[in-house]
Amino acid sequence: MLKIVIAKKALKELKKISQEDQKIIKEKVLFLKNGFNNLDVKRICNERKVFRLRVRNFRVIFNFLDHEKTIKIKHVRRRNEKTYR
């Protein structure tokens, strides 16, 4: 089982999203504790330990720290051309 840490910036971004979408995003993030299986998770190009989780029209950008068994959520953003910058 993995530990999940959420950055302050990600919490701030999450608060700007509707309550319904927040609930769904939180559920999917909790599923990450059990691993990436059966979730839409992909590694971001040219980045070693940076991944994205797709939830509806949103992307959860996170680091996977293998040695600490930790997932650090960096951003929760609506999918657009600026999402991966």
PDB file of N, CA and C in Angstrom:
ATOM      1  N   MET A   1       0.839  -1.178   0.000  1.00  0.00           N
ATOM      2  CA  MET A   1       0.000   0.000   0.000  1.00  0.00           C
ATOM      3  C   MET A   1       0.885   1.243   0.000  1.00  0.00           C
ATOM      4  N   LEU A   2       0.504   2.231  -0.762  1.00  0.00           N
ATOM      5  CA  LEU A   2       1.289   3.448  -0.931  1.00  0.00           C
ATOM      6  C   LEU A   2       0.730   4.591  -0.087  1.00  0.00           C
ATOM      7  N   LYS A   3       1.599   5.523   0.260  1.00  0.00           N
ATOM      8  CA  LYS A   3       1.212   6.718   1.000  1.00  0.00           C
ATOM      9  C   LYS A   3       0.973   7.829  -0.013  1.00  0.00           C
ATOM     10  N   ILE A   4      -0.056   8.656   0.218  1.00  0.00           N
ATOM     11  CA  ILE A   4      -0.371   9.758  -0.693  1.00  0.00           C
ATOM     12  C   ILE A   4      -0.165  11.080   0.024  1.00  0.00           C
ATOM     13  N   VAL A   5       0.609  11.967  -0.631  1.00  0.00           N
ATOM     14  CA  VAL A   5       0.865  13.312  -0.119  1.00  0.00           C
ATOM     15  C   VAL A   5       0.374  14.291  -1.171  1.00  0.00           C
ATOM     16  N   ILE A   6      -0.382  15.303  -0.736  1.00  0.00           N
ATOM     17  CA  ILE A   6      -0.932  16.282  -1.680  1.00  0.00           C
ATOM     18  C   ILE A   6      -0.285  17.635  -1.422  1.00  0.00           C
ATOM     19  N   ALA A   7       0.281  18.227  -2.456  1.00  0.00           N
ATOM     20  CA  ALA A   7       0.921  19.541  -2.349  1.00  0.00           C
ATOM     21  C   ALA A   7      -0.142  20.617  -2.128  1.00  0.00           C
ATOM     22  N   LYS A   8       0.266  21.710  -1.489  1.00  0.00           N
ATOM     23  CA  LYS A   8      -0.660  22.820  -1.227  1.00  0.00           C
ATOM     24  C   LYS A   8      -1.257  23.364  -2.521  1.00  0.00           C
ATOM     25  N   LYS A   9      -0.431  23.432  -3.551  1.00  0.00           N
ATOM     26  CA  LYS A   9      -0.899  23.959  -4.838  1.00  0.00           C
ATOM     27  C   LYS A   9      -1.994  23.055  -5.419  1.00  0.00           C
ATOM     28  N   ALA A  10      -1.820  21.751  -5.281  1.00  0.00           N
ATOM     29  CA  ALA A  10      -2.825  20.804  -5.781  1.00  0.00           C
ATOM     30  C   ALA A  10      -4.135  20.948  -5.012  1.00  0.00           C
ATOM     31  N   LEU A  11      -4.055  21.157  -3.704  1.00  0.00           N
ATOM     32  CA  LEU A  11      -5.270  21.375  -2.906  1.00  0.00           C
ATOM     33  C   LEU A  11      -5.992  22.638  -3.345  1.00  0.00           C
ATOM     34  N   LYS A  12      -5.238  23.673  -3.610  1.00  0.00           N
ATOM     35  CA  LYS A  12      -5.811  24.938  -4.067  1.00  0.00           C
ATOM     36  C   LYS A  12      -6.512  24.753  -5.416  1.00  0.00           C
ATOM     37  N   GLU A  13      -5.867  24.014  -6.321  1.00  0.00           N
ATOM     38  CA  GLU A  13      -6.467  23.748  -7.637  1.00  0.00           C
ATOM     39  C   GLU A  13      -7.723  22.897  -7.497  1.00  0.00           C
ATOM     40  N   LEU A  14      -7.699  21.949  -6.580  1.00  0.00           N
ATOM     41  CA  LEU A  14      -8.839  21.054  -6.360  1.00  0.00           C
ATOM     42  C   LEU A  14     -10.053  21.815  -5.839  1.00  0.00           C
ATOM     43  N   LYS A  15      -9.833  22.821  -5.002  1.00  0.00           N
ATOM     44  CA  LYS A  15     -10.930  23.607  -4.440  1.00  0.00           C
ATOM     45  C   LYS A  15     -11.674  24.422  -5.495  1.00  0.00           C
ATOM     46  N   LYS A  16     -11.026  24.698  -6.620  1.00  0.00           N
ATOM     47  CA  LYS A  16     -11.641  25.474  -7.696  1.00  0.00           C
ATOM     48  C   LYS A  16     -12.571  24.631  -8.574  1.00  0.00           C
ATOM     49  N   ILE A  17     -12.568  23.335  -8.357  1.00  0.00           N
ATOM     50  CA  ILE A  17     -13.348  22.398  -9.163  1.00  0.00           C
ATOM     51  C   ILE A  17     -14.689  22.149  -8.479  1.00  0.00           C
ATOM     52  N   SER A  18     -15.709  21.818  -9.254  1.00  0.00           N
ATOM     53  CA  SER A  18     -17.041  21.564  -8.696  1.00  0.00           C
ATOM     54  C   SER A  18     -17.011  20.413  -7.685  1.00  0.00           C
ATOM     55  N   GLN A  19     -17.953  20.423  -6.761  1.00  0.00           N
ATOM     56  CA  GLN A  19     -18.015  19.408  -5.706  1.00  0.00           C
ATOM     57  C   GLN A  19     -18.144  18.002  -6.290  1.00  0.00           C
ATOM     58  N   GLU A  20     -18.959  17.857  -7.315  1.00  0.00           N
ATOM     59  CA  GLU A  20     -19.161  16.538  -7.947  1.00  0.00           C
ATOM     60  C   GLU A  20     -17.848  15.993  -8.512  1.00  0.00           C
ATOM     61  N   ASP A  21     -17.121  16.852  -9.238  1.00  0.00           N
ATOM     62  CA  ASP A  21     -15.846  16.423  -9.817  1.00  0.00           C
ATOM     63  C   ASP A  21     -14.798  16.183  -8.736  1.00  0.00           C
ATOM     64  N   GLN A  22     -14.816  16.993  -7.681  1.00  0.00           N
ATOM     65  CA  GLN A  22     -13.887  16.785  -6.567  1.00  0.00           C
ATOM     66  C   GLN A  22     -14.064  15.400  -5.965  1.00  0.00           C
ATOM     67  N   LYS A  23     -15.307  15.007  -5.784  1.00  0.00           N
ATOM     68  CA  LYS A  23     -15.603  13.708  -5.183  1.00  0.00           C
ATOM     69  C   LYS A  23     -15.036  12.571  -6.041  1.00  0.00           C
ATOM     70  N   ILE A  24     -15.241  12.645  -7.340  1.00  0.00           N
ATOM     71  CA  ILE A  24     -14.763  11.608  -8.256  1.00  0.00           C
ATOM     72  C   ILE A  24     -13.237  11.572  -8.286  1.00  0.00           C
ATOM     73  N   ILE A  25     -12.612  12.750  -8.306  1.00  0.00           N
ATOM     74  CA  ILE A  25     -11.151  12.821  -8.320  1.00  0.00           C
ATOM     75  C   ILE A  25     -10.582  12.218  -7.041  1.00  0.00           C
ATOM     76  N   LYS A  26     -11.176  12.548  -5.900  1.00  0.00           N
ATOM     77  CA  LYS A  26     -10.703  12.011  -4.620  1.00  0.00           C
ATOM     78  C   LYS A  26     -10.821  10.491  -4.577  1.00  0.00           C
ATOM     79  N   GLU A  27     -11.918   9.956  -5.121  1.00  0.00           N
ATOM     80  CA  GLU A  27     -12.082   8.496  -5.158  1.00  0.00           C
ATOM     81  C   GLU A  27     -10.980   7.837  -5.980  1.00  0.00           C
ATOM     82  N   LYS A  28     -10.705   8.398  -7.150  1.00  0.00           N
ATOM     83  CA  LYS A  28      -9.673   7.836  -8.031  1.00  0.00           C
ATOM     84  C   LYS A  28      -8.290   7.933  -7.399  1.00  0.00           C
ATOM     85  N   VAL A  29      -8.011   9.038  -6.727  1.00  0.00           N
ATOM     86  CA  VAL A  29      -6.722   9.205  -6.063  1.00  0.00           C
ATOM     87  C   VAL A  29      -6.561   8.158  -4.968  1.00  0.00           C
ATOM     88  N   LEU A  30      -7.629   7.871  -4.239  1.00  0.00           N
ATOM     89  CA  LEU A  30      -7.550   6.847  -3.194  1.00  0.00           C
ATOM     90  C   LEU A  30      -7.288   5.465  -3.782  1.00  0.00           C
ATOM     91  N   PHE A  31      -7.771   5.207  -5.003  1.00  0.00           N
ATOM     92  CA  PHE A  31      -7.484   3.939  -5.675  1.00  0.00           C
ATOM     93  C   PHE A  31      -5.991   3.795  -5.967  1.00  0.00           C
ATOM     94  N   LEU A  32      -5.279   4.933  -6.107  1.00  0.00           N
ATOM     95  CA  LEU A  32      -3.839   4.887  -6.369  1.00  0.00           C
ATOM     96  C   LEU A  32      -3.074   4.214  -5.238  1.00  0.00           C
ATOM     97  N   LYS A  33      -3.632   4.238  -4.027  1.00  0.00           N
ATOM     98  CA  LYS A  33      -2.948   3.608  -2.887  1.00  0.00           C
ATOM     99  C   LYS A  33      -2.658   2.136  -3.137  1.00  0.00           C
ATOM    100  N   ASN A  34      -3.523   1.486  -3.911  1.00  0.00           N
ATOM    101  CA  ASN A  34      -3.381   0.059  -4.177  1.00  0.00           C
ATOM    102  C   ASN A  34      -2.589  -0.225  -5.435  1.00  0.00           C
ATOM    103  N   GLY A  35      -2.032   0.803  -6.063  1.00  0.00           N
ATOM    104  CA  GLY A  35      -1.254   0.621  -7.289  1.00  0.00           C
ATOM    105  C   GLY A  35      -1.955   1.237  -8.480  1.00  0.00           C
ATOM    106  N   PHE A  36      -1.299   1.149  -9.633  1.00  0.00           N
ATOM    107  CA  PHE A  36      -1.791   1.814 -10.841  1.00  0.00           C
ATOM    108  C   PHE A  36      -2.686   0.920 -11.693  1.00  0.00           C
ATOM    109  N   ASN A  37      -2.885  -0.318 -11.295  1.00  0.00           N
ATOM    110  CA  ASN A  37      -3.682  -1.248 -12.094  1.00  0.00           C
ATOM    111  C   ASN A  37      -5.125  -0.776 -12.210  1.00  0.00           C
ATOM    112  N   ASN A  38      -5.714  -0.975 -13.367  1.00  0.00           N
ATOM    113  CA  ASN A  38      -7.103  -0.639 -13.660  1.00  0.00           C
ATOM    114  C   ASN A  38      -7.402   0.850 -13.583  1.00  0.00           C
ATOM    115  N   LEU A  39      -6.390   1.685 -13.641  1.00  0.00           N
ATOM    116  CA  LEU A  39      -6.567   3.130 -13.686  1.00  0.00           C
ATOM    117  C   LEU A  39      -5.896   3.651 -14.946  1.00  0.00           C
ATOM    118  N   ASP A  40      -6.369   4.797 -15.417  1.00  0.00           N
ATOM    119  CA  ASP A  40      -5.788   5.396 -16.618  1.00  0.00           C
ATOM    120  C   ASP A  40      -4.588   6.255 -16.208  1.00  0.00           C
ATOM    121  N   VAL A  41      -3.463   5.592 -15.953  1.00  0.00           N
ATOM    122  CA  VAL A  41      -2.228   6.255 -15.526  1.00  0.00           C
ATOM    123  C   VAL A  41      -1.182   6.056 -16.605  1.00  0.00           C
ATOM    124  N   LYS A  42      -0.521   7.150 -16.979  1.00  0.00           N
ATOM    125  CA  LYS A  42       0.563   7.067 -17.959  1.00  0.00           C
ATOM    126  C   LYS A  42       1.725   7.916 -17.496  1.00  0.00           C
ATOM    127  N   ARG A  43       2.909   7.481 -17.866  1.00  0.00           N
ATOM    128  CA  ARG A  43       4.115   8.260 -17.581  1.00  0.00           C
ATOM    129  C   ARG A  43       4.153   9.446 -18.546  1.00  0.00           C
ATOM    130  N   ILE A  44       4.549  10.597 -18.035  1.00  0.00           N
ATOM    131  CA  ILE A  44       4.671  11.779 -18.879  1.00  0.00           C
ATOM    132  C   ILE A  44       6.015  11.701 -19.594  1.00  0.00           C
ATOM    133  N   CYS A  45       6.028  11.972 -20.879  1.00  0.00           N
ATOM    134  CA  CYS A  45       7.235  11.852 -21.703  1.00  0.00           C
ATOM    135  C   CYS A  45       8.422  12.598 -21.108  1.00  0.00           C
ATOM    136  N   ASN A  46       9.575  11.996 -21.235  1.00  0.00           N
ATOM    137  CA  ASN A  46      10.858  12.576 -20.836  1.00  0.00           C
ATOM    138  C   ASN A  46      10.976  12.868 -19.343  1.00  0.00           C
ATOM    139  N   GLU A  47      10.073  12.364 -18.566  1.00  0.00           N
ATOM    140  CA  GLU A  47      10.140  12.544 -17.115  1.00  0.00           C
ATOM    141  C   GLU A  47      10.244  11.170 -16.479  1.00  0.00           C
ATOM    142  N   ARG A  48      11.132  10.999 -15.550  1.00  0.00           N
ATOM    143  CA  ARG A  48      11.378   9.667 -14.974  1.00  0.00           C
ATOM    144  C   ARG A  48      10.252   9.158 -14.097  1.00  0.00           C
ATOM    145  N   LYS A  49       9.909   9.886 -13.085  1.00  0.00           N
ATOM    146  CA  LYS A  49       8.942   9.409 -12.097  1.00  0.00           C
ATOM    147  C   LYS A  49       7.689  10.276 -12.049  1.00  0.00           C
ATOM    148  N   VAL A  50       7.363  10.955 -13.158  1.00  0.00           N
ATOM    149  CA  VAL A  50       6.185  11.822 -13.201  1.00  0.00           C
ATOM    150  C   VAL A  50       5.114  11.138 -14.032  1.00  0.00           C
ATOM    151  N   PHE A  51       3.916  11.047 -13.456  1.00  0.00           N
ATOM    152  CA  PHE A  51       2.801  10.373 -14.103  1.00  0.00           C
ATOM    153  C   PHE A  51       1.585  11.282 -14.116  1.00  0.00           C
ATOM    154  N   ARG A  52       0.592  10.867 -14.898  1.00  0.00           N
ATOM    155  CA  ARG A  52      -0.684  11.562 -14.884  1.00  0.00           C
ATOM    156  C   ARG A  52      -1.784  10.524 -14.745  1.00  0.00           C
ATOM    157  N   LEU A  53      -2.812  10.901 -14.001  1.00  0.00           N
ATOM    158  CA  LEU A  53      -4.012  10.093 -13.839  1.00  0.00           C
ATOM    159  C   LEU A  53      -5.138  10.844 -14.520  1.00  0.00           C
ATOM    160  N   ARG A  54      -5.841  10.180 -15.434  1.00  0.00           N
ATOM    161  CA  ARG A  54      -6.952  10.817 -16.137  1.00  0.00           C
ATOM    162  C   ARG A  54      -8.244  10.529 -15.392  1.00  0.00           C
ATOM    163  N   VAL A  55      -8.958  11.608 -15.043  1.00  0.00           N
ATOM    164  CA  VAL A  55     -10.256  11.505 -14.392  1.00  0.00           C
ATOM    165  C   VAL A  55     -11.186  12.468 -15.109  1.00  0.00           C
ATOM    166  N   ARG A  56     -12.097  11.905 -15.906  1.00  0.00           N
ATOM    167  CA  ARG A  56     -12.990  12.711 -16.749  1.00  0.00           C
ATOM    168  C   ARG A  56     -12.167  13.679 -17.584  1.00  0.00           C
ATOM    169  N   ASN A  57     -12.438  14.985 -17.413  1.00  0.00           N
ATOM    170  CA  ASN A  57     -11.736  16.003 -18.189  1.00  0.00           C
ATOM    171  C   ASN A  57     -10.589  16.626 -17.386  1.00  0.00           C
ATOM    172  N   PHE A  58     -10.163  15.952 -16.332  1.00  0.00           N
ATOM    173  CA  PHE A  58      -9.122  16.467 -15.459  1.00  0.00           C
ATOM    174  C   PHE A  58      -7.908  15.549 -15.484  1.00  0.00           C
ATOM    175  N   ARG A  59      -6.752  16.128 -15.148  1.00  0.00           N
ATOM    176  CA  ARG A  59      -5.524  15.362 -15.052  1.00  0.00           C
ATOM    177  C   ARG A  59      -4.913  15.607 -13.680  1.00  0.00           C
ATOM    178  N   VAL A  60      -4.558  14.526 -13.021  1.00  0.00           N
ATOM    179  CA  VAL A  60      -3.867  14.592 -11.738  1.00  0.00           C
ATOM    180  C   VAL A  60      -2.412  14.252 -12.039  1.00  0.00           C
ATOM    181  N   ILE A  61      -1.534  15.225 -11.849  1.00  0.00           N
ATOM    182  CA  ILE A  61      -0.111  15.048 -12.124  1.00  0.00           C
ATOM    183  C   ILE A  61       0.576  14.700 -10.798  1.00  0.00           C
ATOM    184  N   PHE A  62       1.336  13.602 -10.806  1.00  0.00           N
ATOM    185  CA  PHE A  62       1.964  13.190  -9.557  1.00  0.00           C
ATOM    186  C   PHE A  62       3.331  12.567  -9.781  1.00  0.00           C
ATOM    187  N   ASN A  63       4.130  12.592  -8.721  1.00  0.00           N
ATOM    188  CA  ASN A  63       5.436  11.922  -8.685  1.00  0.00           C
ATOM    189  C   ASN A  63       5.255  10.620  -7.938  1.00  0.00           C
ATOM    190  N   PHE A  64       5.970   9.590  -8.394  1.00  0.00           N
ATOM    191  CA  PHE A  64       5.984   8.320  -7.677  1.00  0.00           C
ATOM    192  C   PHE A  64       7.376   8.136  -7.100  1.00  0.00           C
ATOM    193  N   LEU A  65       7.477   8.211  -5.781  1.00  0.00           N
ATOM    194  CA  LEU A  65       8.751   8.062  -5.091  1.00  0.00           C
ATOM    195  C   LEU A  65       8.854   6.620  -4.619  1.00  0.00           C
ATOM    196  N   ASP A  66       9.516   5.812  -5.421  1.00  0.00           N
ATOM    197  CA  ASP A  66       9.577   4.362  -5.199  1.00  0.00           C
ATOM    198  C   ASP A  66      10.242   4.003  -3.881  1.00  0.00           C
ATOM    199  N   HIS A  67      11.353   4.644  -3.567  1.00  0.00           N
ATOM    200  CA  HIS A  67      12.104   4.303  -2.358  1.00  0.00           C
ATOM    201  C   HIS A  67      11.325   4.637  -1.082  1.00  0.00           C
ATOM    202  N   GLU A  68      10.416   5.601  -1.140  1.00  0.00           N
ATOM    203  CA  GLU A  68       9.607   5.973   0.020  1.00  0.00           C
ATOM    204  C   GLU A  68       8.209   5.367  -0.032  1.00  0.00           C
ATOM    205  N   LYS A  69       7.885   4.688  -1.131  1.00  0.00           N
ATOM    206  CA  LYS A  69       6.537   4.143  -1.352  1.00  0.00           C
ATOM    207  C   LYS A  69       5.489   5.245  -1.196  1.00  0.00           C
ATOM    208  N   THR A  70       5.748   6.379  -1.868  1.00  0.00           N
ATOM    209  CA  THR A  70       4.909   7.567  -1.731  1.00  0.00           C
ATOM    210  C   THR A  70       4.504   8.107  -3.097  1.00  0.00           C
ATOM    211  N   ILE A  71       3.277   8.584  -3.169  1.00  0.00           N
ATOM    212  CA  ILE A  71       2.779   9.309  -4.339  1.00  0.00           C
ATOM    213  C   ILE A  71       2.585  10.746  -3.899  1.00  0.00           C
ATOM    214  N   LYS A  72       3.253  11.688  -4.589  1.00  0.00           N
ATOM    215  CA  LYS A  72       3.114  13.102  -4.272  1.00  0.00           C
ATOM    216  C   LYS A  72       2.341  13.778  -5.391  1.00  0.00           C
ATOM    217  N   ILE A  73       1.134  14.220  -5.085  1.00  0.00           N
ATOM    218  CA  ILE A  73       0.287  14.877  -6.087  1.00  0.00           C
ATOM    219  C   ILE A  73       0.718  16.330  -6.214  1.00  0.00           C
ATOM    220  N   LYS A  74       1.092  16.711  -7.439  1.00  0.00           N
ATOM    221  CA  LYS A  74       1.606  18.054  -7.690  1.00  0.00           C
ATOM    222  C   LYS A  74       0.535  18.998  -8.209  1.00  0.00           C
ATOM    223  N   HIS A  75      -0.330  18.496  -9.117  1.00  0.00           N
ATOM    224  CA  HIS A  75      -1.336  19.351  -9.744  1.00  0.00           C
ATOM    225  C   HIS A  75      -2.624  18.574 -10.000  1.00  0.00           C
ATOM    226  N   VAL A  76      -3.739  19.302  -9.977  1.00  0.00           N
ATOM    227  CA  VAL A  76      -5.026  18.776 -10.427  1.00  0.00           C
ATOM    228  C   VAL A  76      -5.562  19.826 -11.382  1.00  0.00           C
ATOM    229  N   ARG A  77      -5.563  19.501 -12.670  1.00  0.00           N
ATOM    230  CA  ARG A  77      -5.905  20.509 -13.687  1.00  0.00           C
ATOM    231  C   ARG A  77      -6.919  19.991 -14.694  1.00  0.00           C
ATOM    232  N   ARG A  78      -7.714  20.928 -15.200  1.00  0.00           N
ATOM    233  CA  ARG A  78      -8.608  20.608 -16.308  1.00  0.00           C
ATOM    234  C   ARG A  78      -7.746  20.410 -17.547  1.00  0.00           C
ATOM    235  N   ARG A  79      -8.083  19.446 -18.360  1.00  0.00           N
ATOM    236  CA  ARG A  79      -7.296  19.129 -19.552  1.00  0.00           C
ATOM    237  C   ARG A  79      -7.417  20.241 -20.584  1.00  0.00           C
ATOM    238  N   ASN A  80      -6.271  20.851 -20.923  1.00  0.00           N
ATOM    239  CA  ASN A  80      -6.186  21.832 -21.994  1.00  0.00           C
ATOM    240  C   ASN A  80      -4.743  21.885 -22.487  1.00  0.00           C
ATOM    241  N   GLU A  81      -4.412  22.854 -23.316  1.00  0.00           N
ATOM    242  CA  GLU A  81      -3.070  22.892 -23.887  1.00  0.00           C
ATOM    243  C   GLU A  81      -1.989  23.242 -22.865  1.00  0.00           C
ATOM    244  N   LYS A  82      -2.357  23.766 -21.693  1.00  0.00           N
ATOM    245  CA  LYS A  82      -1.371  24.155 -20.677  1.00  0.00           C
ATOM    246  C   LYS A  82      -1.203  23.097 -19.578  1.00  0.00           C
ATOM    247  N   THR A  83      -1.920  22.010 -19.648  1.00  0.00           N
ATOM    248  CA  THR A  83      -1.951  21.033 -18.565  1.00  0.00           C
ATOM    249  C   THR A  83      -0.573  20.480 -18.218  1.00  0.00           C
ATOM    250  N   TYR A  84       0.221  20.135 -19.197  1.00  0.00           N
ATOM    251  CA  TYR A  84       1.490  19.445 -18.940  1.00  0.00           C
ATOM    252  C   TYR A  84       2.698  20.352 -18.888  1.00  0.00           C
ATOM    253  N   ARG A  85       2.488  21.645 -18.832  1.00  0.00           N
ATOM    254  CA  ARG A  85       3.617  22.599 -18.769  1.00  0.00           C
ATOM    255  C   ARG A  85       4.040  22.822 -17.351  1.00  0.00           C
TER     256      ARG A  85
END
